[in-house]
Amino acid sequence: MDILNAVLAAKLAGDGGGGGSGDAKKEAAKALAEAKSYADTQDTTTLNSAKSYADTKDTTTLNSAKSYADTQDTTTLNSAKAYSDTKKAEANSYTDTKTATALTAAKQYTDDEIETASQDIIQTAKNYTDDRIEELDVQFIAATGTIGTMTLGTDWSGTAPGPYTISVTISGYTITENTMVSVLPDATAITQMKSDQTEKIFVRNDNGSLTAYAIGGMPTAALTFPVLFTEVE
């Protein structure tokens, strides 16, 4: 029986006969019970549906919130890591640059010190060698002949390009036809010869008469030379 009709019938029965027939009341009670049961079922279904919907929404919202939070955390973490990596790279680059600069400066300083030390050592050795050679030369010359002095004036004869000649007079040593005169220019004479572009000065003995020869430029100033006198056969 349709519940709504049963409810209406029960109501009419109650209204029309001072309480109506017993069957009508039973039908009405049954209809009411069915209506209540239906209403309770509908309420429960609606409540369950609402709760299920709410739970679903809560779960969806919670999952969305968690996903958003995770995404934000990951993004923040990645950004922080990228920033940290960038700063670390900058620090490494700065350190590498400073280290390379320091190493270059240290190497340059060391190279300069080595170069200076090497030059000093070479110059010291050269000075010692030159001094030693000069000392040995003097000893050798003294052992093989007689050291004297020769002075040349400025009255040279000859025209460019030479050679130029000048007579030589020696004092303090007796010149013979066998005397060989070796010119030993010192630093002063060499400086003057360079100034005059004189390449060489030597002496020839012609039966005891000495003549000096200048090759290159003609000397323009008086020159005094150490000379070695050697008697040859």
C-alpha atoms as a PDB file:
ATOM      1  CA  MET A   1       0.000   0.000   0.000  1.00  0.00           C
ATOM      2  CA  ASP A   2       1.177   3.463  -0.791  1.00  0.00           C
ATOM      3  CA  ILE A   3       2.414   4.974   2.437  1.00  0.00           C
ATOM      4  CA  LEU A   4       1.008   8.416   1.754  1.00  0.00           C
ATOM      5  CA  ASN A   5      -2.455   6.972   0.984  1.00  0.00           C
ATOM      6  CA  ALA A   6      -2.285   4.868   4.134  1.00  0.00           C
ATOM      7  CA  VAL A   7      -1.486   7.904   6.177  1.00  0.00           C
ATOM      8  CA  LEU A   8      -4.402   9.828   4.638  1.00  0.00           C
ATOM      9  CA  ALA A   9      -6.752   6.888   5.183  1.00  0.00           C
ATOM     10  CA  ALA A  10      -5.758   6.580   8.803  1.00  0.00           C
ATOM     11  CA  LYS A  11      -6.295  10.283   9.294  1.00  0.00           C
ATOM     12  CA  LEU A  12      -9.755  10.193   7.659  1.00  0.00           C
ATOM     13  CA  ALA A  13     -10.710   7.177   9.715  1.00  0.00           C
ATOM     14  CA  GLY A  14      -9.762   8.902  12.859  1.00  0.00           C
ATOM     15  CA  ASP A  15     -11.563  12.076  11.910  1.00  0.00           C
ATOM     16  CA  GLY A  16     -14.842  10.423  10.781  1.00  0.00           C
ATOM     17  CA  GLY A  17     -15.952   7.892  13.315  1.00  0.00           C
ATOM     18  CA  GLY A  18     -14.851   8.857  16.733  1.00  0.00           C
ATOM     19  CA  GLY A  19     -11.722   6.894  16.404  1.00  0.00           C
ATOM     20  CA  GLY A  20     -12.688   4.781  13.252  1.00  0.00           C
ATOM     21  CA  SER A  21     -12.653   1.038  12.768  1.00  0.00           C
ATOM     22  CA  GLY A  22      -9.976  -1.165  14.204  1.00  0.00           C
ATOM     23  CA  ASP A  23      -8.692  -2.208  10.788  1.00  0.00           C
ATOM     24  CA  ALA A  24      -8.345   1.360   9.685  1.00  0.00           C
ATOM     25  CA  LYS A  25      -6.345   2.191  12.752  1.00  0.00           C
ATOM     26  CA  LYS A  26      -4.114  -0.747  12.228  1.00  0.00           C
ATOM     27  CA  GLU A  27      -3.538   0.259   8.656  1.00  0.00           C
ATOM     28  CA  ALA A  28      -2.824   3.779   9.790  1.00  0.00           C
ATOM     29  CA  ALA A  29      -0.397   2.591  12.451  1.00  0.00           C
ATOM     30  CA  LYS A  30       1.311   0.359   9.970  1.00  0.00           C
ATOM     31  CA  ALA A  31       1.493   3.194   7.462  1.00  0.00           C
ATOM     32  CA  LEU A  32       2.963   5.479  10.092  1.00  0.00           C
ATOM     33  CA  ALA A  33       5.482   2.856  11.094  1.00  0.00           C
ATOM     34  CA  GLU A  34       6.463   2.351   7.469  1.00  0.00           C
ATOM     35  CA  ALA A  35       6.639   6.113   6.952  1.00  0.00           C
ATOM     36  CA  LYS A  36       8.892   6.504   9.988  1.00  0.00           C
ATOM     37  CA  SER A  37      11.050   3.592   8.913  1.00  0.00           C
ATOM     38  CA  TYR A  38      11.323   5.082   5.458  1.00  0.00           C
ATOM     39  CA  ALA A  39      12.104   8.493   6.923  1.00  0.00           C
ATOM     40  CA  ASP A  40      14.717   6.952   9.228  1.00  0.00           C
ATOM     41  CA  THR A  41      16.202   5.065   6.311  1.00  0.00           C
ATOM     42  CA  GLN A  42      16.252   8.206   4.224  1.00  0.00           C
ATOM     43  CA  ASP A  43      17.811  10.184   7.068  1.00  0.00           C
ATOM     44  CA  THR A  44      20.449   7.501   7.640  1.00  0.00           C
ATOM     45  CA  THR A  45      21.190   7.267   3.922  1.00  0.00           C
ATOM     46  CA  THR A  46      21.380  11.027   3.626  1.00  0.00           C
ATOM     47  CA  LEU A  47      23.526  11.234   6.747  1.00  0.00           C
ATOM     48  CA  ASN A  48      25.830   8.501   5.516  1.00  0.00           C
ATOM     49  CA  SER A  49      26.025  10.107   2.102  1.00  0.00           C
ATOM     50  CA  ALA A  50      26.767  13.463   3.676  1.00  0.00           C
ATOM     51  CA  LYS A  51      29.372  11.916   5.953  1.00  0.00           C
ATOM     52  CA  SER A  52      30.914  10.004   3.056  1.00  0.00           C
ATOM     53  CA  TYR A  53      30.940  13.159   0.972  1.00  0.00           C
ATOM     54  CA  ALA A  54      32.444  15.127   3.839  1.00  0.00           C
ATOM     55  CA  ASP A  55      35.051  12.414   4.450  1.00  0.00           C
ATOM     56  CA  THR A  56      35.889  12.346   0.768  1.00  0.00           C
ATOM     57  CA  LYS A  57      36.180  16.126   0.683  1.00  0.00           C
ATOM     58  CA  ASP A  58      38.264  16.108   3.856  1.00  0.00           C
ATOM     59  CA  THR A  59      40.549  13.432   2.429  1.00  0.00           C
ATOM     60  CA  THR A  60      40.803  15.263  -0.907  1.00  0.00           C
ATOM     61  CA  THR A  61      41.435  18.553   0.845  1.00  0.00           C
ATOM     62  CA  LEU A  62      43.986  16.949   3.156  1.00  0.00           C
ATOM     63  CA  ASN A  63      45.724  15.232   0.239  1.00  0.00           C
ATOM     64  CA  SER A  64      45.703  18.455  -1.768  1.00  0.00           C
ATOM     65  CA  ALA A  65      47.054  20.379   1.209  1.00  0.00           C
ATOM     66  CA  LYS A  66      49.732  17.728   1.791  1.00  0.00           C
ATOM     67  CA  SER A  67      50.634  17.655  -1.912  1.00  0.00           C
ATOM     68  CA  TYR A  68      50.846  21.456  -1.956  1.00  0.00           C
ATOM     69  CA  ALA A  69      52.929  21.468   1.206  1.00  0.00           C
ATOM     70  CA  ASP A  70      55.218  18.752  -0.194  1.00  0.00           C
ATOM     71  CA  THR A  71      55.566  20.694  -3.450  1.00  0.00           C
ATOM     72  CA  GLN A  72      56.353  23.889  -1.573  1.00  0.00           C
ATOM     73  CA  ASP A  73      58.825  22.067   0.664  1.00  0.00           C
ATOM     74  CA  THR A  74      60.504  20.480  -2.364  1.00  0.00           C
ATOM     75  CA  THR A  75      60.612  23.803  -4.200  1.00  0.00           C
ATOM     76  CA  THR A  76      61.989  25.584  -1.144  1.00  0.00           C
ATOM     77  CA  LEU A  77      64.522  22.826  -0.568  1.00  0.00           C
ATOM     78  CA  ASN A  78      65.613  22.877  -4.215  1.00  0.00           C
ATOM     79  CA  SER A  79      65.862  26.654  -4.181  1.00  0.00           C
ATOM     80  CA  ALA A  80      67.900  26.556  -0.971  1.00  0.00           C
ATOM     81  CA  LYS A  81      70.160  23.841  -2.409  1.00  0.00           C
ATOM     82  CA  ALA A  82      70.602  25.754  -5.673  1.00  0.00           C
ATOM     83  CA  TYR A  83      71.423  28.923  -3.740  1.00  0.00           C
ATOM     84  CA  SER A  84      73.854  26.996  -1.544  1.00  0.00           C
ATOM     85  CA  ASP A  85      75.488  25.379  -4.577  1.00  0.00           C
ATOM     86  CA  THR A  86      75.826  28.788  -6.263  1.00  0.00           C
ATOM     87  CA  LYS A  87      77.425  30.323  -3.176  1.00  0.00           C
ATOM     88  CA  LYS A  88      79.704  27.317  -2.819  1.00  0.00           C
ATOM     89  CA  ALA A  89      80.752  27.624  -6.467  1.00  0.00           C
ATOM     90  CA  GLU A  90      81.399  31.347  -5.976  1.00  0.00           C
ATOM     91  CA  ALA A  91      83.469  30.610  -2.868  1.00  0.00           C
ATOM     92  CA  ASN A  92      85.435  27.910  -4.707  1.00  0.00           C
ATOM     93  CA  SER A  93      86.017  30.239  -7.660  1.00  0.00           C
ATOM     94  CA  TYR A  94      87.174  33.029  -5.363  1.00  0.00           C
ATOM     95  CA  THR A  95      89.460  30.636  -3.489  1.00  0.00           C
ATOM     96  CA  ASP A  96      90.857  29.188  -6.723  1.00  0.00           C
ATOM     97  CA  THR A  97      91.511  32.685  -8.089  1.00  0.00           C
ATOM     98  CA  LYS A  98      93.213  33.814  -4.899  1.00  0.00           C
ATOM     99  CA  THR A  99      95.247  30.610  -4.748  1.00  0.00           C
ATOM    100  CA  ALA A 100      96.298  30.898  -8.391  1.00  0.00           C
ATOM    101  CA  THR A 101      97.231  34.560  -7.906  1.00  0.00           C
ATOM    102  CA  ALA A 102      99.234  33.747  -4.787  1.00  0.00           C
ATOM    103  CA  LEU A 103     101.001  30.859  -6.508  1.00  0.00           C
ATOM    104  CA  THR A 104     101.825  33.016  -9.538  1.00  0.00           C
ATOM    105  CA  ALA A 105     103.154  35.789  -7.326  1.00  0.00           C
ATOM    106  CA  ALA A 106     105.203  33.304  -5.296  1.00  0.00           C
ATOM    107  CA  LYS A 107     106.583  31.688  -8.458  1.00  0.00           C
ATOM    108  CA  GLN A 108     107.443  35.053  -9.962  1.00  0.00           C
ATOM    109  CA  TYR A 109     109.144  36.100  -6.733  1.00  0.00           C
ATOM    110  CA  THR A 110     111.082  32.830  -6.659  1.00  0.00           C
ATOM    111  CA  ASP A 111     112.031  33.131 -10.334  1.00  0.00           C
ATOM    112  CA  ASP A 112     113.197  36.706  -9.805  1.00  0.00           C
ATOM    113  CA  GLU A 113     115.202  35.693  -6.754  1.00  0.00           C
ATOM    114  CA  ILE A 114     116.764  32.794  -8.657  1.00  0.00           C
ATOM    115  CA  GLU A 115     117.538  35.057 -11.614  1.00  0.00           C
ATOM    116  CA  THR A 116     119.108  37.675  -9.333  1.00  0.00           C
ATOM    117  CA  ALA A 117     121.072  35.059  -7.443  1.00  0.00           C
ATOM    118  CA  SER A 118     122.207  33.439 -10.693  1.00  0.00           C
ATOM    119  CA  GLN A 119     123.346  36.758 -12.118  1.00  0.00           C
ATOM    120  CA  ASP A 120     125.189  37.549  -8.896  1.00  0.00           C
ATOM    121  CA  ILE A 121     126.877  34.159  -8.897  1.00  0.00           C
ATOM    122  CA  ILE A 122     127.790  34.429 -12.580  1.00  0.00           C
ATOM    123  CA  GLN A 123     129.131  37.947 -12.163  1.00  0.00           C
ATOM    124  CA  THR A 124     131.125  36.944  -9.064  1.00  0.00           C
ATOM    125  CA  ALA A 125     132.578  33.966 -10.917  1.00  0.00           C
ATOM    126  CA  LYS A 126     133.351  36.117 -13.961  1.00  0.00           C
ATOM    127  CA  ASN A 127     135.021  38.793 -11.837  1.00  0.00           C
ATOM    128  CA  TYR A 128     137.064  36.143 -10.073  1.00  0.00           C
ATOM    129  CA  THR A 129     137.978  34.529 -13.400  1.00  0.00           C
ATOM    130  CA  ASP A 130     138.896  37.851 -15.013  1.00  0.00           C
ATOM    131  CA  ASP A 131     140.957  38.860 -12.007  1.00  0.00           C
ATOM    132  CA  ARG A 132     142.644  35.475 -11.942  1.00  0.00           C
ATOM    133  CA  ILE A 133     143.390  35.565 -15.682  1.00  0.00           C
ATOM    134  CA  GLU A 134     144.812  39.070 -15.386  1.00  0.00           C
ATOM    135  CA  GLU A 135     146.943  37.961 -12.460  1.00  0.00           C
ATOM    136  CA  LEU A 136     148.206  34.947 -14.403  1.00  0.00           C
ATOM    137  CA  ASP A 137     148.847  37.107 -17.481  1.00  0.00           C
ATOM    138  CA  VAL A 138     150.963  39.477 -15.451  1.00  0.00           C
ATOM    139  CA  GLN A 139     152.848  36.574 -13.912  1.00  0.00           C
ATOM    140  CA  PHE A 140     153.386  35.013 -17.343  1.00  0.00           C
ATOM    141  CA  ILE A 141     154.458  38.274 -18.912  1.00  0.00           C
ATOM    142  CA  ALA A 142     156.841  39.000 -16.080  1.00  0.00           C
ATOM    143  CA  ALA A 143     158.321  35.531 -16.518  1.00  0.00           C
ATOM    144  CA  THR A 144     158.800  35.854 -20.286  1.00  0.00           C
ATOM    145  CA  GLY A 145     159.997  39.438 -20.645  1.00  0.00           C
ATOM    146  CA  THR A 146     160.289  42.902 -19.128  1.00  0.00           C
ATOM    147  CA  ILE A 147     157.343  45.174 -18.364  1.00  0.00           C
ATOM    148  CA  GLY A 148     157.761  48.819 -19.330  1.00  0.00           C
ATOM    149  CA  THR A 149     155.781  51.857 -20.426  1.00  0.00           C
ATOM    150  CA  MET A 150     155.239  53.418 -23.847  1.00  0.00           C
ATOM    151  CA  THR A 151     153.750  56.868 -24.431  1.00  0.00           C
ATOM    152  CA  LEU A 152     152.355  57.884 -27.830  1.00  0.00           C
ATOM    153  CA  GLY A 153     151.680  61.494 -28.756  1.00  0.00           C
ATOM    154  CA  THR A 154     149.112  62.889 -31.192  1.00  0.00           C
ATOM    155  CA  ASP A 155     151.346  63.551 -34.238  1.00  0.00           C
ATOM    156  CA  TRP A 156     150.187  60.535 -36.200  1.00  0.00           C
ATOM    157  CA  SER A 157     150.841  60.323 -39.938  1.00  0.00           C
ATOM    158  CA  GLY A 158     148.537  58.858 -42.550  1.00  0.00           C
ATOM    159  CA  THR A 159     145.118  59.363 -44.078  1.00  0.00           C
ATOM    160  CA  ALA A 160     141.846  57.541 -43.801  1.00  0.00           C
ATOM    161  CA  PRO A 161     141.262  54.707 -43.704  1.00  0.00           C
ATOM    162  CA  GLY A 162     144.791  54.255 -42.332  1.00  0.00           C
ATOM    163  CA  PRO A 163     146.818  52.668 -41.013  1.00  0.00           C
ATOM    164  CA  TYR A 164     148.318  55.595 -39.112  1.00  0.00           C
ATOM    165  CA  THR A 165     151.923  55.651 -37.892  1.00  0.00           C
ATOM    166  CA  ILE A 166     153.970  57.405 -35.233  1.00  0.00           C
ATOM    167  CA  SER A 167     157.575  57.076 -34.086  1.00  0.00           C
ATOM    168  CA  VAL A 168     158.129  55.516 -30.664  1.00  0.00           C
ATOM    169  CA  THR A 169     160.783  56.495 -28.130  1.00  0.00           C
ATOM    170  CA  ILE A 170     161.347  54.217 -25.144  1.00  0.00           C
ATOM    171  CA  SER A 171     163.103  55.251 -21.944  1.00  0.00           C
ATOM    172  CA  GLY A 172     164.309  52.867 -19.290  1.00  0.00           C
ATOM    173  CA  TYR A 173     164.939  49.975 -21.656  1.00  0.00           C
ATOM    174  CA  THR A 174     167.585  49.516 -24.342  1.00  0.00           C
ATOM    175  CA  ILE A 175     165.992  48.624 -27.629  1.00  0.00           C
ATOM    176  CA  THR A 176     167.970  46.335 -29.937  1.00  0.00           C
ATOM    177  CA  GLU A 177     167.171  44.983 -33.373  1.00  0.00           C
ATOM    178  CA  ASN A 178     165.950  41.818 -31.623  1.00  0.00           C
ATOM    179  CA  THR A 179     163.589  43.575 -29.199  1.00  0.00           C
ATOM    180  CA  MET A 180     159.902  42.703 -29.672  1.00  0.00           C
ATOM    181  CA  VAL A 181     157.488  45.249 -28.148  1.00  0.00           C
ATOM    182  CA  SER A 182     154.054  43.867 -27.228  1.00  0.00           C
ATOM    183  CA  VAL A 183     151.381  46.491 -26.465  1.00  0.00           C
ATOM    184  CA  LEU A 184     149.222  45.732 -23.378  1.00  0.00           C
ATOM    185  CA  PRO A 185     146.386  48.305 -23.372  1.00  0.00           C
ATOM    186  CA  ASP A 186     144.912  49.023 -19.946  1.00  0.00           C
ATOM    187  CA  ALA A 187     141.331  50.158 -19.225  1.00  0.00           C
ATOM    188  CA  THR A 188     142.141  53.863 -19.739  1.00  0.00           C
ATOM    189  CA  ALA A 189     143.819  53.258 -23.109  1.00  0.00           C
ATOM    190  CA  ILE A 190     141.003  50.940 -24.243  1.00  0.00           C
ATOM    191  CA  THR A 191     138.361  53.552 -23.375  1.00  0.00           C
ATOM    192  CA  GLN A 192     140.175  56.188 -25.446  1.00  0.00           C
ATOM    193  CA  MET A 193     140.689  53.789 -28.339  1.00  0.00           C
ATOM    194  CA  LYS A 194     136.960  52.992 -28.376  1.00  0.00           C
ATOM    195  CA  SER A 195     136.174  56.695 -28.398  1.00  0.00           C
ATOM    196  CA  ASP A 196     138.450  57.174 -31.430  1.00  0.00           C
ATOM    197  CA  GLN A 197     137.235  53.916 -33.023  1.00  0.00           C
ATOM    198  CA  THR A 198     140.836  52.671 -33.013  1.00  0.00           C
ATOM    199  CA  GLU A 199     140.671  48.912 -33.396  1.00  0.00           C
ATOM    200  CA  LYS A 200     144.305  48.025 -32.692  1.00  0.00           C
ATOM    201  CA  ILE A 201     147.723  49.530 -31.940  1.00  0.00           C
ATOM    202  CA  PHE A 202     150.934  47.520 -32.428  1.00  0.00           C
ATOM    203  CA  VAL A 203     154.683  48.267 -32.680  1.00  0.00           C
ATOM    204  CA  ARG A 204     157.206  47.169 -35.325  1.00  0.00           C
ATOM    205  CA  ASN A 205     160.947  47.084 -34.792  1.00  0.00           C
ATOM    206  CA  ASP A 206     163.020  48.051 -37.825  1.00  0.00           C
ATOM    207  CA  ASN A 207     166.644  47.392 -36.803  1.00  0.00           C
ATOM    208  CA  GLY A 208     166.112  49.009 -33.404  1.00  0.00           C
ATOM    209  CA  SER A 209     163.834  51.828 -34.620  1.00  0.00           C
ATOM    210  CA  LEU A 210     160.282  51.510 -33.302  1.00  0.00           C
ATOM    211  CA  THR A 211     157.158  52.606 -35.137  1.00  0.00           C
ATOM    212  CA  ALA A 212     153.592  52.321 -33.742  1.00  0.00           C
ATOM    213  CA  TYR A 213     150.710  51.527 -36.104  1.00  0.00           C
ATOM    214  CA  ALA A 214     147.025  52.346 -35.466  1.00  0.00           C
ATOM    215  CA  ILE A 215     144.325  50.380 -37.309  1.00  0.00           C
ATOM    216  CA  GLY A 216     140.853  51.899 -37.685  1.00  0.00           C
ATOM    217  CA  GLY A 217     140.369  55.441 -36.386  1.00  0.00           C
ATOM    218  CA  MET A 218     143.365  57.704 -35.749  1.00  0.00           C
ATOM    219  CA  PRO A 219     143.989  58.353 -32.032  1.00  0.00           C
ATOM    220  CA  THR A 220     143.183  61.934 -31.023  1.00  0.00           C
ATOM    221  CA  ALA A 221     144.733  61.932 -27.547  1.00  0.00           C
ATOM    222  CA  ALA A 222     148.081  60.978 -26.076  1.00  0.00           C
ATOM    223  CA  LEU A 223     148.147  57.354 -24.946  1.00  0.00           C
ATOM    224  CA  THR A 224     150.272  55.593 -22.369  1.00  0.00           C
ATOM    225  CA  PHE A 225     150.484  51.810 -22.553  1.00  0.00           C
ATOM    226  CA  PRO A 226     152.066  49.090 -20.501  1.00  0.00           C
ATOM    227  CA  VAL A 227     154.322  47.142 -22.889  1.00  0.00           C
ATOM    228  CA  LEU A 228     156.287  43.926 -22.761  1.00  0.00           C
ATOM    229  CA  PHE A 229     159.859  43.891 -24.034  1.00  0.00           C
ATOM    230  CA  THR A 230     161.024  40.482 -25.217  1.00  0.00           C
ATOM    231  CA  GLU A 231     164.358  39.663 -26.841  1.00  0.00           C
ATOM    232  CA  VAL A 232     163.987  37.230 -29.721  1.00  0.00           C
ATOM    233  CA  GLU A 233     166.571  35.588 -31.946  1.00  0.00           C
END
